[in-house]
Amino acid sequence: MTDTHSLLQTATIDTADDLATFWTALMGEGGFGRRTLWLVLLDDGGHPAPVVVPIDDVPQSPGRRDVDAFSAVLAGLADQGTAVLLLSRPGPVEVQPDDLRWARALAPLAPVWPVHLATAESLDAPSCRVQSLPSS
């Protein structure tokens, strides 16, 4: 089990590889039973805020209302740090067309870091796979 509190206190994210490693550690072992969008804010030194925000049961493909609502949330947090985003979902590790739709929809809302995807074939999977999604 990942010690989320310790991870949030000790992580420093300076590179895209650091971010992928952070997401992998945060997701821990096991698979995902639902599609979730994860939000973490980074301070100017690349340190995560002590709060991880999961938004569960996001739709398979982003709708305009979903993106607008999330944009409003991020706008309200803009002075709190830089947003980093991860989409987790059950299913194959290969990037799916809906994953790319989410990446394209979210990239303008959090343009500093790439949107990442976490997948695991099943709830019993020994570990998840985290990968950066292209935004175009």
C-alpha atoms as a PDB file:
ATOM      1  CA  MET A   1       0.000   0.000   0.000  1.00  0.00           C
ATOM      2  CA  THR A   2       1.355   3.427  -0.914  1.00  0.00           C
ATOM      3  CA  ASP A   3       1.944   5.799   2.001  1.00  0.00           C
ATOM      4  CA  THR A   4       0.250   8.769   0.349  1.00  0.00           C
ATOM      5  CA  HIS A   5       1.040  11.206   3.145  1.00  0.00           C
ATOM      6  CA  SER A   6       4.765  10.412   3.027  1.00  0.00           C
ATOM      7  CA  LEU A   7       4.811  10.558  -0.769  1.00  0.00           C
ATOM      8  CA  LEU A   8       3.144  13.972  -0.774  1.00  0.00           C
ATOM      9  CA  GLN A   9       5.647  15.271   1.779  1.00  0.00           C
ATOM     10  CA  THR A  10       8.789  13.999   0.075  1.00  0.00           C
ATOM     11  CA  ALA A  11       8.161  14.102  -3.687  1.00  0.00           C
ATOM     12  CA  THR A  12       9.745  16.715  -5.892  1.00  0.00           C
ATOM     13  CA  ILE A  13       8.656  16.887  -9.505  1.00  0.00           C
ATOM     14  CA  ASP A  14      11.120  18.561 -11.839  1.00  0.00           C
ATOM     15  CA  THR A  15      10.759  16.467 -15.001  1.00  0.00           C
ATOM     16  CA  ALA A  16       8.131  14.495 -16.901  1.00  0.00           C
ATOM     17  CA  ASP A  17       9.827  11.299 -15.686  1.00  0.00           C
ATOM     18  CA  ASP A  18       9.491  12.540 -12.082  1.00  0.00           C
ATOM     19  CA  LEU A  19       5.785  13.094 -12.660  1.00  0.00           C
ATOM     20  CA  ALA A  20       5.269   9.611 -14.124  1.00  0.00           C
ATOM     21  CA  THR A  21       7.156   8.107 -11.164  1.00  0.00           C
ATOM     22  CA  PHE A  22       5.018  10.134  -8.744  1.00  0.00           C
ATOM     23  CA  TRP A  23       1.767   8.966 -10.355  1.00  0.00           C
ATOM     24  CA  THR A  24       2.967   5.342 -10.372  1.00  0.00           C
ATOM     25  CA  ALA A  25       3.817   5.503  -6.671  1.00  0.00           C
ATOM     26  CA  LEU A  26       0.555   7.259  -5.836  1.00  0.00           C
ATOM     27  CA  MET A  27      -1.558   4.719  -7.709  1.00  0.00           C
ATOM     28  CA  GLY A  28       0.161   1.808  -5.962  1.00  0.00           C
ATOM     29  CA  GLU A  29      -0.610  -1.810  -6.700  1.00  0.00           C
ATOM     30  CA  GLY A  30      -3.809  -3.238  -8.047  1.00  0.00           C
ATOM     31  CA  GLY A  31      -6.224  -2.249 -10.718  1.00  0.00           C
ATOM     32  CA  PHE A  32      -9.032   0.221 -11.081  1.00  0.00           C
ATOM     33  CA  GLY A  33     -12.727  -0.497 -10.860  1.00  0.00           C
ATOM     34  CA  ARG A  34     -13.847   2.795 -12.362  1.00  0.00           C
ATOM     35  CA  ARG A  35     -12.709   5.729 -14.457  1.00  0.00           C
ATOM     36  CA  THR A  36     -11.275   8.475 -12.225  1.00  0.00           C
ATOM     37  CA  LEU A  37      -9.652  11.826 -12.901  1.00  0.00           C
ATOM     38  CA  TRP A  38      -6.952  12.718 -10.355  1.00  0.00           C
ATOM     39  CA  LEU A  39      -5.789  16.247  -9.552  1.00  0.00           C
ATOM     40  CA  VAL A  40      -2.705  17.282  -7.601  1.00  0.00           C
ATOM     41  CA  LEU A  41      -1.336  20.808  -7.315  1.00  0.00           C
ATOM     42  CA  LEU A  42       2.403  21.485  -7.372  1.00  0.00           C
ATOM     43  CA  ASP A  43       4.037  24.491  -5.740  1.00  0.00           C
ATOM     44  CA  ASP A  44       6.784  26.511  -7.440  1.00  0.00           C
ATOM     45  CA  GLY A  45       9.413  24.064  -6.138  1.00  0.00           C
ATOM     46  CA  GLY A  46       7.649  21.043  -7.668  1.00  0.00           C
ATOM     47  CA  HIS A  47       6.311  19.786  -4.333  1.00  0.00           C
ATOM     48  CA  PRO A  48       2.770  18.356  -4.297  1.00  0.00           C
ATOM     49  CA  ALA A  49       0.121  19.943  -2.120  1.00  0.00           C
ATOM     50  CA  PRO A  50      -0.968  17.655   0.718  1.00  0.00           C
ATOM     51  CA  VAL A  51      -4.312  16.958  -0.960  1.00  0.00           C
ATOM     52  CA  VAL A  52      -5.061  14.534  -3.793  1.00  0.00           C
ATOM     53  CA  VAL A  53      -8.437  15.085  -5.452  1.00  0.00           C
ATOM     54  CA  PRO A  54     -10.032  12.058  -7.143  1.00  0.00           C
ATOM     55  CA  ILE A  55     -13.087  12.693  -9.296  1.00  0.00           C
ATOM     56  CA  ASP A  56     -14.721   9.303  -9.647  1.00  0.00           C
ATOM     57  CA  ASP A  57     -16.894   7.915 -12.397  1.00  0.00           C
ATOM     58  CA  VAL A  58     -15.990  10.423 -15.077  1.00  0.00           C
ATOM     59  CA  PRO A  59     -17.614   9.523 -18.391  1.00  0.00           C
ATOM     60  CA  GLN A  60     -15.800   7.380 -20.919  1.00  0.00           C
ATOM     61  CA  SER A  61     -15.443  10.343 -23.249  1.00  0.00           C
ATOM     62  CA  PRO A  62     -15.360  13.978 -22.086  1.00  0.00           C
ATOM     63  CA  GLY A  63     -18.417  16.093 -22.782  1.00  0.00           C
ATOM     64  CA  ARG A  64     -18.448  19.867 -23.043  1.00  0.00           C
ATOM     65  CA  ARG A  65     -20.172  20.205 -19.639  1.00  0.00           C
ATOM     66  CA  ASP A  66     -17.540  17.967 -18.003  1.00  0.00           C
ATOM     67  CA  VAL A  67     -14.693  20.014 -19.406  1.00  0.00           C
ATOM     68  CA  ASP A  68     -16.352  23.345 -18.558  1.00  0.00           C
ATOM     69  CA  ALA A  69     -17.017  22.234 -14.970  1.00  0.00           C
ATOM     70  CA  PHE A  70     -13.456  21.031 -14.527  1.00  0.00           C
ATOM     71  CA  SER A  71     -12.128  24.224 -16.097  1.00  0.00           C
ATOM     72  CA  ALA A  72     -14.073  26.246 -13.496  1.00  0.00           C
ATOM     73  CA  VAL A  73     -12.578  24.149 -10.672  1.00  0.00           C
ATOM     74  CA  LEU A  74      -9.044  24.626 -11.981  1.00  0.00           C
ATOM     75  CA  ALA A  75      -9.595  28.356 -12.487  1.00  0.00           C
ATOM     76  CA  GLY A  76     -10.568  28.618  -8.830  1.00  0.00           C
ATOM     77  CA  LEU A  77      -7.350  26.855  -7.814  1.00  0.00           C
ATOM     78  CA  ALA A  78      -5.008  28.735 -10.155  1.00  0.00           C
ATOM     79  CA  ASP A  79      -3.374  30.726  -7.356  1.00  0.00           C
ATOM     80  CA  GLN A  80      -2.828  27.539  -5.306  1.00  0.00           C
ATOM     81  CA  GLY A  81      -0.323  25.889  -7.626  1.00  0.00           C
ATOM     82  CA  THR A  82       0.211  24.173 -10.961  1.00  0.00           C
ATOM     83  CA  ALA A  83      -2.270  21.414 -11.765  1.00  0.00           C
ATOM     84  CA  VAL A  84      -1.125  17.933 -12.756  1.00  0.00           C
ATOM     85  CA  LEU A  85      -3.750  15.470 -13.984  1.00  0.00           C
ATOM     86  CA  LEU A  86      -4.052  11.721 -14.306  1.00  0.00           C
ATOM     87  CA  LEU A  87      -6.859   9.649 -15.769  1.00  0.00           C
ATOM     88  CA  SER A  88      -7.131   6.126 -14.366  1.00  0.00           C
ATOM     89  CA  ARG A  89      -9.363   3.434 -15.770  1.00  0.00           C
ATOM     90  CA  PRO A  90      -9.851  -0.316 -15.885  1.00  0.00           C
ATOM     91  CA  GLY A  91      -9.032  -2.162 -19.068  1.00  0.00           C
ATOM     92  CA  PRO A  92      -6.190  -2.623 -21.482  1.00  0.00           C
ATOM     93  CA  VAL A  93      -2.925  -0.763 -21.026  1.00  0.00           C
ATOM     94  CA  GLU A  94      -2.965   0.374 -24.645  1.00  0.00           C
ATOM     95  CA  VAL A  95      -4.085   3.971 -25.106  1.00  0.00           C
ATOM     96  CA  GLN A  96      -7.680   4.053 -26.322  1.00  0.00           C
ATOM     97  CA  PRO A  97      -9.356   6.738 -28.485  1.00  0.00           C
ATOM     98  CA  ASP A  98     -11.317   8.021 -25.467  1.00  0.00           C
ATOM     99  CA  ASP A  99      -8.063   8.415 -23.519  1.00  0.00           C
ATOM    100  CA  LEU A 100      -6.801  10.674 -26.289  1.00  0.00           C
ATOM    101  CA  ARG A 101     -10.067  12.647 -26.230  1.00  0.00           C
ATOM    102  CA  TRP A 102      -9.590  13.244 -22.505  1.00  0.00           C
ATOM    103  CA  ALA A 103      -5.959  14.290 -23.038  1.00  0.00           C
ATOM    104  CA  ARG A 104      -6.919  16.779 -25.759  1.00  0.00           C
ATOM    105  CA  ALA A 105      -9.752  18.186 -23.611  1.00  0.00           C
ATOM    106  CA  LEU A 106      -7.657  18.522 -20.451  1.00  0.00           C
ATOM    107  CA  ALA A 107      -4.328  19.687 -21.886  1.00  0.00           C
ATOM    108  CA  PRO A 108      -5.409  23.335 -22.297  1.00  0.00           C
ATOM    109  CA  LEU A 109      -6.639  23.369 -18.690  1.00  0.00           C
ATOM    110  CA  ALA A 110      -3.311  22.195 -17.269  1.00  0.00           C
ATOM    111  CA  PRO A 111      -0.771  23.103 -19.962  1.00  0.00           C
ATOM    112  CA  VAL A 112       2.468  22.892 -17.959  1.00  0.00           C
ATOM    113  CA  TRP A 113       2.580  19.086 -17.551  1.00  0.00           C
ATOM    114  CA  PRO A 114       1.228  16.288 -19.757  1.00  0.00           C
ATOM    115  CA  VAL A 115      -1.935  14.475 -18.754  1.00  0.00           C
ATOM    116  CA  HIS A 116      -1.096  10.926 -17.692  1.00  0.00           C
ATOM    117  CA  LEU A 117      -3.015   7.667 -17.945  1.00  0.00           C
ATOM    118  CA  ALA A 118      -2.946   4.871 -15.363  1.00  0.00           C
ATOM    119  CA  THR A 119      -4.264   1.464 -16.360  1.00  0.00           C
ATOM    120  CA  ALA A 120      -4.315  -2.077 -15.076  1.00  0.00           C
ATOM    121  CA  GLU A 121      -5.890  -5.040 -16.789  1.00  0.00           C
ATOM    122  CA  SER A 122      -7.901  -6.036 -13.703  1.00  0.00           C
ATOM    123  CA  LEU A 123      -8.487  -5.299 -10.037  1.00  0.00           C
ATOM    124  CA  ASP A 124      -6.092  -8.166  -9.306  1.00  0.00           C
ATOM    125  CA  ALA A 125      -3.292  -6.767 -11.479  1.00  0.00           C
ATOM    126  CA  PRO A 126       0.002  -6.671  -9.569  1.00  0.00           C
ATOM    127  CA  SER A 127       0.705  -3.075 -10.553  1.00  0.00           C
ATOM    128  CA  CYS A 128      -0.549  -0.293 -12.721  1.00  0.00           C
ATOM    129  CA  ARG A 129       1.070   1.208 -15.777  1.00  0.00           C
ATOM    130  CA  VAL A 130       1.384   4.985 -16.021  1.00  0.00           C
ATOM    131  CA  GLN A 131       2.089   6.729 -19.301  1.00  0.00           C
ATOM    132  CA  SER A 132       2.002  10.248 -20.623  1.00  0.00           C
ATOM    133  CA  LEU A 133      -0.738  11.005 -23.136  1.00  0.00           C
ATOM    134  CA  PRO A 134      -0.145  13.124 -26.234  1.00  0.00           C
ATOM    135  CA  SER A 135      -2.216  16.308 -26.215  1.00  0.00           C
ATOM    136  CA  SER A 136      -2.645  16.593 -29.974  1.00  0.00           C
END
